[in-house]
PDB file of N, CA and C in Angstrom:
ATOM      1  N   MET A   1     134.260 113.153 119.266  1.00  0.00           N
ATOM      2  CA  MET A   1     132.666 113.774 119.353  1.00  0.00           C
ATOM      3  C   MET A   1     132.870 114.726 119.806  1.00  0.00           C
ATOM      4  N   GLN A   2     131.452 115.493 119.166  1.00  0.00           N
ATOM      5  CA  GLN A   2     131.638 116.687 119.561  1.00  0.00           C
ATOM      6  C   GLN A   2     130.663 117.121 120.711  1.00  0.00           C
ATOM      7  N   GLU A   3     130.896 117.783 121.416  1.00  0.00           N
ATOM      8  CA  GLU A   3     130.095 117.700 122.968  1.00  0.00           C
ATOM      9  C   GLU A   3     128.855 118.481 122.972  1.00  0.00           C
ATOM     10  N   ARG A   4     127.851 118.681 122.626  1.00  0.00           N
ATOM     11  CA  ARG A   4     126.564 119.264 122.782  1.00  0.00           C
ATOM     12  C   ARG A   4     126.679 120.215 124.505  1.00  0.00           C
ATOM     13  N   GLU A   5     126.063 121.719 123.791  1.00  0.00           N
ATOM     14  CA  GLU A   5     125.724 122.516 125.012  1.00  0.00           C
ATOM     15  C   GLU A   5     124.742 122.937 125.290  1.00  0.00           C
ATOM     16  N   PHE A   6     124.343 122.248 126.981  1.00  0.00           N
ATOM     17  CA  PHE A   6     123.024 122.069 127.000  1.00  0.00           C
ATOM     18  C   PHE A   6     122.552 123.472 128.073  1.00  0.00           C
ATOM     19  N   GLY A   7     121.539 124.304 127.346  1.00  0.00           N
ATOM     20  CA  GLY A   7     120.739 125.049 127.924  1.00  0.00           C
ATOM     21  C   GLY A   7     120.356 125.184 129.362  1.00  0.00           C
ATOM     22  N   ALA A   8     120.072 126.230 129.752  1.00  0.00           N
ATOM     23  CA  ALA A   8     120.430 126.511 131.466  1.00  0.00           C
ATOM     24  C   ALA A   8     119.267 125.986 132.074  1.00  0.00           C
ATOM     25  N   TYR A   9     117.841 124.985 130.920  1.00  0.00           N
ATOM     26  CA  TYR A   9     116.903 124.910 131.786  1.00  0.00           C
ATOM     27  C   TYR A   9     116.875 122.930 131.927  1.00  0.00           C
ATOM     28  N   GLU A  10     118.361 122.613 131.377  1.00  0.00           N
ATOM     29  CA  GLU A  10     118.317 121.378 130.245  1.00  0.00           C
ATOM     30  C   GLU A  10     119.268 120.548 131.745  1.00  0.00           C
ATOM     31  N   ARG A  11     120.017 121.619 132.665  1.00  0.00           N
ATOM     32  CA  ARG A  11     120.816 120.715 133.092  1.00  0.00           C
ATOM     33  C   ARG A  11     120.010 120.670 134.444  1.00  0.00           C
ATOM     34  N   LEU A  12     120.987 119.695 135.460  1.00  0.00           N
ATOM     35  CA  LEU A  12     120.796 119.141 136.325  1.00  0.00           C
ATOM     36  C   LEU A  12     119.920 119.628 137.684  1.00  0.00           C
ATOM     37  N   LEU A  13     120.773 120.577 137.864  1.00  0.00           N
ATOM     38  CA  LEU A  13     120.524 121.498 138.913  1.00  0.00           C
ATOM     39  C   LEU A  13     119.098 122.291 138.978  1.00  0.00           C
ATOM     40  N   SER A  14     118.951 122.504 137.429  1.00  0.00           N
ATOM     41  CA  SER A  14     117.797 123.364 136.948  1.00  0.00           C
ATOM     42  C   SER A  14     116.252 122.267 136.750  1.00  0.00           C
ATOM     43  N   GLY A  15     116.804 120.901 136.827  1.00  0.00           N
ATOM     44  CA  GLY A  15     115.765 119.795 136.630  1.00  0.00           C
ATOM     45  C   GLY A  15     115.336 119.432 137.994  1.00  0.00           C
ATOM     46  N   ALA A  16     116.299 119.469 139.162  1.00  0.00           N
ATOM     47  CA  ALA A  16     116.444 119.131 140.561  1.00  0.00           C
ATOM     48  C   ALA A  16     115.524 119.780 141.060  1.00  0.00           C
ATOM     49  N   LEU A  17     115.412 120.857 141.185  1.00  0.00           N
ATOM     50  CA  LEU A  17     115.045 122.265 141.512  1.00  0.00           C
ATOM     51  C   LEU A  17     112.977 121.976 140.880  1.00  0.00           C
ATOM     52  N   LEU A  18     113.084 122.235 139.449  1.00  0.00           N
ATOM     53  CA  LEU A  18     111.990 121.765 139.531  1.00  0.00           C
ATOM     54  C   LEU A  18     110.793 120.647 139.834  1.00  0.00           C
ATOM     55  N   THR A  19     111.881 119.732 139.549  1.00  0.00           N
ATOM     56  CA  THR A  19     111.158 118.116 140.224  1.00  0.00           C
ATOM     57  C   THR A  19     110.551 118.431 141.295  1.00  0.00           C
ATOM     58  N   MET A  20     111.837 119.266 142.409  1.00  0.00           N
ATOM     59  CA  MET A  20     111.438 119.379 144.034  1.00  0.00           C
ATOM     60  C   MET A  20     109.821 119.933 144.028  1.00  0.00           C
ATOM     61  N   ALA A  21     109.857 121.410 143.068  1.00  0.00           N
ATOM     62  CA  ALA A  21     108.661 122.122 143.030  1.00  0.00           C
ATOM     63  C   ALA A  21     107.626 121.699 142.465  1.00  0.00           C
ATOM     64  N   ALA A  22     107.434 121.164 141.349  1.00  0.00           N
ATOM     65  CA  ALA A  22     106.365 119.891 141.226  1.00  0.00           C
ATOM     66  C   ALA A  22     105.887 118.923 142.067  1.00  0.00           C
ATOM     67  N   GLY A  23     107.310 118.539 142.833  1.00  0.00           N
ATOM     68  CA  GLY A  23     106.099 117.284 143.570  1.00  0.00           C
ATOM     69  C   GLY A  23     105.892 118.326 145.007  1.00  0.00           C
ATOM     70  N   ALA A  24     106.571 119.222 145.722  1.00  0.00           N
ATOM     71  CA  ALA A  24     105.497 120.064 146.456  1.00  0.00           C
ATOM     72  C   ALA A  24     104.229 120.522 146.201  1.00  0.00           C
ATOM     73  N   LEU A  25     104.532 120.855 144.675  1.00  0.00           N
ATOM     74  CA  LEU A  25     103.480 121.258 144.459  1.00  0.00           C
ATOM     75  C   LEU A  25     101.633 120.513 144.493  1.00  0.00           C
ATOM     76  N   ASP A  26     102.204 118.938 143.722  1.00  0.00           N
ATOM     77  CA  ASP A  26     101.454 118.456 143.641  1.00  0.00           C
ATOM     78  C   ASP A  26     100.990 117.652 144.900  1.00  0.00           C
ATOM     79  N   ALA A  27     102.198 117.598 146.313  1.00  0.00           N
ATOM     80  CA  ALA A  27     101.497 117.136 147.853  1.00  0.00           C
ATOM     81  C   ALA A  27     100.878 118.191 148.153  1.00  0.00           C
ATOM     82  N   TYR A  28     101.113 119.730 148.049  1.00  0.00           N
ATOM     83  CA  TYR A  28     100.486 120.364 148.725  1.00  0.00           C
ATOM     84  C   TYR A  28      98.878 120.958 147.929  1.00  0.00           C
ATOM     85  N   THR A  29      98.115 120.184 146.972  1.00  0.00           N
ATOM     86  CA  THR A  29      96.899 120.859 146.502  1.00  0.00           C
ATOM     87  C   THR A  29      96.068 119.549 146.731  1.00  0.00           C
ATOM     88  N   TYR A  30      97.641 117.911 146.946  1.00  0.00           N
ATOM     89  CA  TYR A  30      96.436 116.935 146.971  1.00  0.00           C
ATOM     90  C   TYR A  30      95.861 116.352 148.524  1.00  0.00           C
ATOM     91  N   LEU A  31      96.640 117.602 149.716  1.00  0.00           N
ATOM     92  CA  LEU A  31      95.964 117.475 151.123  1.00  0.00           C
ATOM     93  C   LEU A  31      95.595 118.001 151.333  1.00  0.00           C
ATOM     94  N   GLU A  32      95.842 119.284 150.436  1.00  0.00           N
ATOM     95  CA  GLU A  32      94.686 120.813 150.591  1.00  0.00           C
ATOM     96  C   GLU A  32      93.346 120.856 150.000  1.00  0.00           C
ATOM     97  N   ASP A  33      93.150 120.462 148.484  1.00  0.00           N
ATOM     98  CA  ASP A  33      92.521 120.606 147.412  1.00  0.00           C
ATOM     99  C   ASP A  33      91.859 119.355 147.219  1.00  0.00           C
ATOM    100  N   GLY A  34      91.135 118.067 148.420  1.00  0.00           N
ATOM    101  CA  GLY A  34      90.632 117.295 148.444  1.00  0.00           C
ATOM    102  C   GLY A  34      90.979 116.135 147.371  1.00  0.00           C
ATOM    103  N   GLY A  35      92.293 115.985 147.375  1.00  0.00           N
ATOM    104  CA  GLY A  35      92.669 114.599 146.466  1.00  0.00           C
ATOM    105  C   GLY A  35      92.603 115.087 144.914  1.00  0.00           C
ATOM    106  N   VAL A  36      92.888 115.727 144.651  1.00  0.00           N
ATOM    107  CA  VAL A  36      93.549 116.064 142.918  1.00  0.00           C
ATOM    108  C   VAL A  36      94.759 116.762 142.692  1.00  0.00           C
ATOM    109  N   PHE A  37      95.256 116.457 142.396  1.00  0.00           N
ATOM    110  CA  PHE A  37      97.016 116.361 141.949  1.00  0.00           C
ATOM    111  C   PHE A  37      96.794 117.952 140.766  1.00  0.00           C
ATOM    112  N   ALA A  38      98.159 118.708 140.576  1.00  0.00           N
ATOM    113  CA  ALA A  38      97.714 120.044 140.086  1.00  0.00           C
ATOM    114  C   ALA A  38      98.537 119.686 138.692  1.00  0.00           C
ATOM    115  N   GLY A  39      99.560 118.814 138.475  1.00  0.00           N
ATOM    116  CA  GLY A  39     100.213 118.797 137.227  1.00  0.00           C
ATOM    117  C   GLY A  39     100.671 116.961 137.208  1.00  0.00           C
ATOM    118  N   LEU A  40      99.864 116.497 138.034  1.00  0.00           N
ATOM    119  CA  LEU A  40     100.197 114.625 137.948  1.00  0.00           C
ATOM    120  C   LEU A  40      98.952 114.140 137.548  1.00  0.00           C
ATOM    121  N   GLN A  41      98.191 114.589 136.050  1.00  0.00           N
ATOM    122  CA  GLN A  41      97.088 114.430 135.598  1.00  0.00           C
ATOM    123  C   GLN A  41      97.517 112.657 135.135  1.00  0.00           C
ATOM    124  N   THR A  42      98.138 112.320 135.270  1.00  0.00           N
ATOM    125  CA  THR A  42      97.908 110.496 135.211  1.00  0.00           C
ATOM    126  C   THR A  42      97.598 110.325 136.604  1.00  0.00           C
ATOM    127  N   GLY A  43      98.073 110.932 137.777  1.00  0.00           N
ATOM    128  CA  GLY A  43      97.741 110.217 138.994  1.00  0.00           C
ATOM    129  C   GLY A  43      96.179 110.819 139.296  1.00  0.00           C
ATOM    130  N   ASN A  44      95.705 111.828 138.243  1.00  0.00           N
ATOM    131  CA  ASN A  44      94.159 112.249 138.178  1.00  0.00           C
ATOM    132  C   ASN A  44      93.460 111.062 137.768  1.00  0.00           C
ATOM    133  N   LEU A  45      93.702 110.896 136.713  1.00  0.00           N
ATOM    134  CA  LEU A  45      92.802 109.492 135.991  1.00  0.00           C
ATOM    135  C   LEU A  45      92.792 108.452 137.159  1.00  0.00           C
ATOM    136  N   ILE A  46      94.229 108.006 137.449  1.00  0.00           N
ATOM    137  CA  ILE A  46      94.278 106.529 138.612  1.00  0.00           C
ATOM    138  C   ILE A  46      93.349 107.228 139.866  1.00  0.00           C
ATOM    139  N   LEU A  47      93.207 108.724 140.550  1.00  0.00           N
ATOM    140  CA  LEU A  47      92.409 108.591 141.258  1.00  0.00           C
ATOM    141  C   LEU A  47      91.151 108.316 140.129  1.00  0.00           C
ATOM    142  N   THR A  48      90.777 109.049 139.587  1.00  0.00           N
ATOM    143  CA  THR A  48      89.159 109.002 138.934  1.00  0.00           C
ATOM    144  C   THR A  48      88.806 107.931 138.751  1.00  0.00           C
ATOM    145  N   GLY A  49      89.455 106.437 137.834  1.00  0.00           N
ATOM    146  CA  GLY A  49      89.475 105.269 138.042  1.00  0.00           C
ATOM    147  C   GLY A  49      88.598 104.559 139.694  1.00  0.00           C
ATOM    148  N   LEU A  50      89.666 104.540 140.457  1.00  0.00           N
ATOM    149  CA  LEU A  50      89.256 104.325 141.457  1.00  0.00           C
ATOM    150  C   LEU A  50      88.130 104.930 142.391  1.00  0.00           C
ATOM    151  N   ARG A  51      87.645 106.041 141.691  1.00  0.00           N
ATOM    152  CA  ARG A  51      86.446 106.787 142.750  1.00  0.00           C
ATOM    153  C   ARG A  51      84.935 106.058 141.716  1.00  0.00           C
ATOM    154  N   VAL A  52      85.291 105.436 140.614  1.00  0.00           N
ATOM    155  CA  VAL A  52      84.238 105.255 139.850  1.00  0.00           C
ATOM    156  C   VAL A  52      84.112 103.749 140.394  1.00  0.00           C
ATOM    157  N   GLY A  53      85.141 103.063 140.078  1.00  0.00           N
ATOM    158  CA  GLY A  53      84.667 101.744 140.778  1.00  0.00           C
ATOM    159  C   GLY A  53      84.681 101.843 142.064  1.00  0.00           C
ATOM    160  N   ARG A  54      84.653 102.374 143.159  1.00  0.00           N
ATOM    161  CA  ARG A  54      83.916 102.728 144.204  1.00  0.00           C
ATOM    162  C   ARG A  54      82.556 103.019 144.303  1.00  0.00           C
ATOM    163  N   GLY A  55      82.230 103.747 143.553  1.00  0.00           N
ATOM    164  CA  GLY A  55      81.070 104.300 143.284  1.00  0.00           C
ATOM    165  C   GLY A  55      80.770 105.910 143.918  1.00  0.00           C
ATOM    166  N   GLU A  56      81.804 106.990 143.648  1.00  0.00           N
ATOM    167  CA  GLU A  56      81.968 107.393 144.436  1.00  0.00           C
ATOM    168  C   GLU A  56      81.490 108.841 143.369  1.00  0.00           C
ATOM    169  N   PHE A  57      80.289 108.828 142.814  1.00  0.00           N
ATOM    170  CA  PHE A  57      80.563 109.912 141.393  1.00  0.00           C
ATOM    171  C   PHE A  57      80.428 111.573 141.952  1.00  0.00           C
ATOM    172  N   GLY A  58      80.331 111.464 143.101  1.00  0.00           N
ATOM    173  CA  GLY A  58      80.607 113.036 143.048  1.00  0.00           C
ATOM    174  C   GLY A  58      82.030 113.858 143.570  1.00  0.00           C
ATOM    175  N   ALA A  59      82.536 112.379 143.939  1.00  0.00           N
ATOM    176  CA  ALA A  59      84.122 113.306 143.583  1.00  0.00           C
ATOM    177  C   ALA A  59      84.516 113.346 142.297  1.00  0.00           C
ATOM    178  N   ILE A  60      83.744 112.476 141.365  1.00  0.00           N
ATOM    179  CA  ILE A  60      84.616 112.162 140.085  1.00  0.00           C
ATOM    180  C   ILE A  60      84.380 113.800 139.702  1.00  0.00           C
ATOM    181  N   ILE A  61      83.549 114.463 139.543  1.00  0.00           N
ATOM    182  CA  ILE A  61      83.139 115.916 138.915  1.00  0.00           C
ATOM    183  C   ILE A  61      84.586 116.523 139.228  1.00  0.00           C
ATOM    184  N   GLN A  62      85.235 116.133 140.647  1.00  0.00           N
ATOM    185  CA  GLN A  62      86.244 117.799 140.896  1.00  0.00           C
ATOM    186  C   GLN A  62      87.310 116.515 140.724  1.00  0.00           C
ATOM    187  N   ALA A  63      87.828 115.884 139.768  1.00  0.00           N
ATOM    188  CA  ALA A  63      88.808 115.250 139.261  1.00  0.00           C
ATOM    189  C   ALA A  63      88.365 115.442 137.698  1.00  0.00           C
ATOM    190  N   LEU A  64      87.273 115.520 136.776  1.00  0.00           N
ATOM    191  CA  LEU A  64      87.044 115.873 135.949  1.00  0.00           C
ATOM    192  C   LEU A  64      87.683 117.109 135.601  1.00  0.00           C
ATOM    193  N   VAL A  65      87.045 118.532 136.405  1.00  0.00           N
ATOM    194  CA  VAL A  65      87.226 119.573 135.969  1.00  0.00           C
ATOM    195  C   VAL A  65      88.958 119.869 136.143  1.00  0.00           C
ATOM    196  N   SER A  66      89.948 119.234 137.079  1.00  0.00           N
ATOM    197  CA  SER A  66      91.134 119.373 136.960  1.00  0.00           C
ATOM    198  C   SER A  66      91.562 118.680 135.746  1.00  0.00           C
ATOM    199  N   LEU A  67      91.239 117.571 135.241  1.00  0.00           N
ATOM    200  CA  LEU A  67      91.947 117.121 134.354  1.00  0.00           C
ATOM    201  C   LEU A  67      91.217 117.867 132.766  1.00  0.00           C
ATOM    202  N   GLY A  68      89.915 118.819 132.758  1.00  0.00           N
ATOM    203  CA  GLY A  68      89.512 119.647 131.680  1.00  0.00           C
ATOM    204  C   GLY A  68      90.318 120.869 131.779  1.00  0.00           C
ATOM    205  N   MET A  69      90.656 121.428 133.325  1.00  0.00           N
ATOM    206  CA  MET A  69      91.493 122.926 133.234  1.00  0.00           C
ATOM    207  C   MET A  69      93.262 122.383 132.237  1.00  0.00           C
ATOM    208  N   PHE A  70      93.393 121.176 132.792  1.00  0.00           N
ATOM    209  CA  PHE A  70      95.038 120.848 132.846  1.00  0.00           C
ATOM    210  C   PHE A  70      94.625 120.744 130.661  1.00  0.00           C
ATOM    211  N   ALA A  71      93.949 120.230 130.335  1.00  0.00           N
ATOM    212  CA  ALA A  71      93.228 120.519 128.785  1.00  0.00           C
ATOM    213  C   ALA A  71      93.575 121.181 128.442  1.00  0.00           C
ATOM    214  N   VAL A  72      92.518 122.451 128.784  1.00  0.00           N
ATOM    215  CA  VAL A  72      93.061 123.936 129.083  1.00  0.00           C
ATOM    216  C   VAL A  72      93.794 124.698 128.813  1.00  0.00           C
ATOM    217  N   GLY A  73      94.860 123.922 129.935  1.00  0.00           N
ATOM    218  CA  GLY A  73      96.162 125.200 129.220  1.00  0.00           C
ATOM    219  C   GLY A  73      97.005 124.077 128.541  1.00  0.00           C
ATOM    220  N   VAL A  74      97.038 123.295 128.007  1.00  0.00           N
ATOM    221  CA  VAL A  74      97.875 123.101 127.021  1.00  0.00           C
ATOM    222  C   VAL A  74      96.922 123.483 125.740  1.00  0.00           C
ATOM    223  N   ALA A  75      95.645 123.697 125.739  1.00  0.00           N
ATOM    224  CA  ALA A  75      95.584 123.978 124.607  1.00  0.00           C
ATOM    225  C   ALA A  75      95.729 125.634 124.021  1.00  0.00           C
ATOM    226  N   ILE A  76      96.031 126.195 125.218  1.00  0.00           N
ATOM    227  CA  ILE A  76      96.564 127.486 125.553  1.00  0.00           C
ATOM    228  C   ILE A  76      98.177 127.734 124.756  1.00  0.00           C
ATOM    229  N   ILE A  77      98.473 126.646 125.095  1.00  0.00           N
ATOM    230  CA  ILE A  77     100.126 126.560 125.217  1.00  0.00           C
ATOM    231  C   ILE A  77     100.322 126.354 123.657  1.00  0.00           C
ATOM    232  N   ARG A  78      99.652 125.325 123.189  1.00  0.00           N
ATOM    233  CA  ARG A  78      99.763 124.989 121.760  1.00  0.00           C
ATOM    234  C   ARG A  78      99.290 126.211 120.460  1.00  0.00           C
ATOM    235  N   VAL A  79      98.973 126.920 120.938  1.00  0.00           N
ATOM    236  CA  VAL A  79      98.759 128.087 120.693  1.00  0.00           C
ATOM    237  C   VAL A  79      99.309 129.031 120.294  1.00  0.00           C
ATOM    238  N   VAL A  80      99.298 129.686 121.619  1.00  0.00           N
ATOM    239  CA  VAL A  80     100.355 130.567 121.833  1.00  0.00           C
ATOM    240  C   VAL A  80     101.986 130.690 122.278  1.00  0.00           C
ATOM    241  N   PRO A  81     102.763 130.696 120.854  1.00  0.00           N
ATOM    242  CA  PRO A  81     104.490 130.281 120.881  1.00  0.00           C
ATOM    243  C   PRO A  81     105.111 130.997 121.815  1.00  0.00           C
ATOM    244  N   ILE A  82     105.597 130.706 122.876  1.00  0.00           N
ATOM    245  CA  ILE A  82     106.777 131.400 123.208  1.00  0.00           C
ATOM    246  C   ILE A  82     107.997 131.082 123.264  1.00  0.00           C
ATOM    247  N   PRO A  83     108.650 131.920 122.943  1.00  0.00           N
ATOM    248  CA  PRO A  83     110.023 131.201 122.010  1.00  0.00           C
ATOM    249  C   PRO A  83     110.981 131.537 122.815  1.00  0.00           C
ATOM    250  N   LEU A  84     112.018 130.396 122.655  1.00  0.00           N
ATOM    251  CA  LEU A  84     112.497 130.522 123.992  1.00  0.00           C
ATOM    252  C   LEU A  84     114.157 130.793 123.484  1.00  0.00           C
ATOM    253  N   PRO A  85     114.763 130.981 124.394  1.00  0.00           N
ATOM    254  CA  PRO A  85     116.554 131.687 123.485  1.00  0.00           C
ATOM    255  C   PRO A  85     117.296 130.127 123.532  1.00  0.00           C
ATOM    256  N   GLN A  86     118.315 130.290 122.167  1.00  0.00           N
ATOM    257  CA  GLN A  86     118.771 128.816 121.808  1.00  0.00           C
ATOM    258  C   GLN A  86     120.215 129.437 122.640  1.00  0.00           C
TER     259      GLN A  86
END
């Protein structure tokens, strides 16, 4: 069986460092930005559902802005191609 060559962004150390950085960023934004996550959109959807259930309609706008900006970022990434070295 032929071994596959992994790129630098697919290695364990790179993945672990990216995971730690994303977790730290999410923890910081959740604690300092009023209860929204920077990159964890599933968490933002869950928190939005909880706020709807509690009737906290003023706090929903903040979560919807976060989700909207995430959608804009995804749209930009889909439109602007970024070539990666092979």
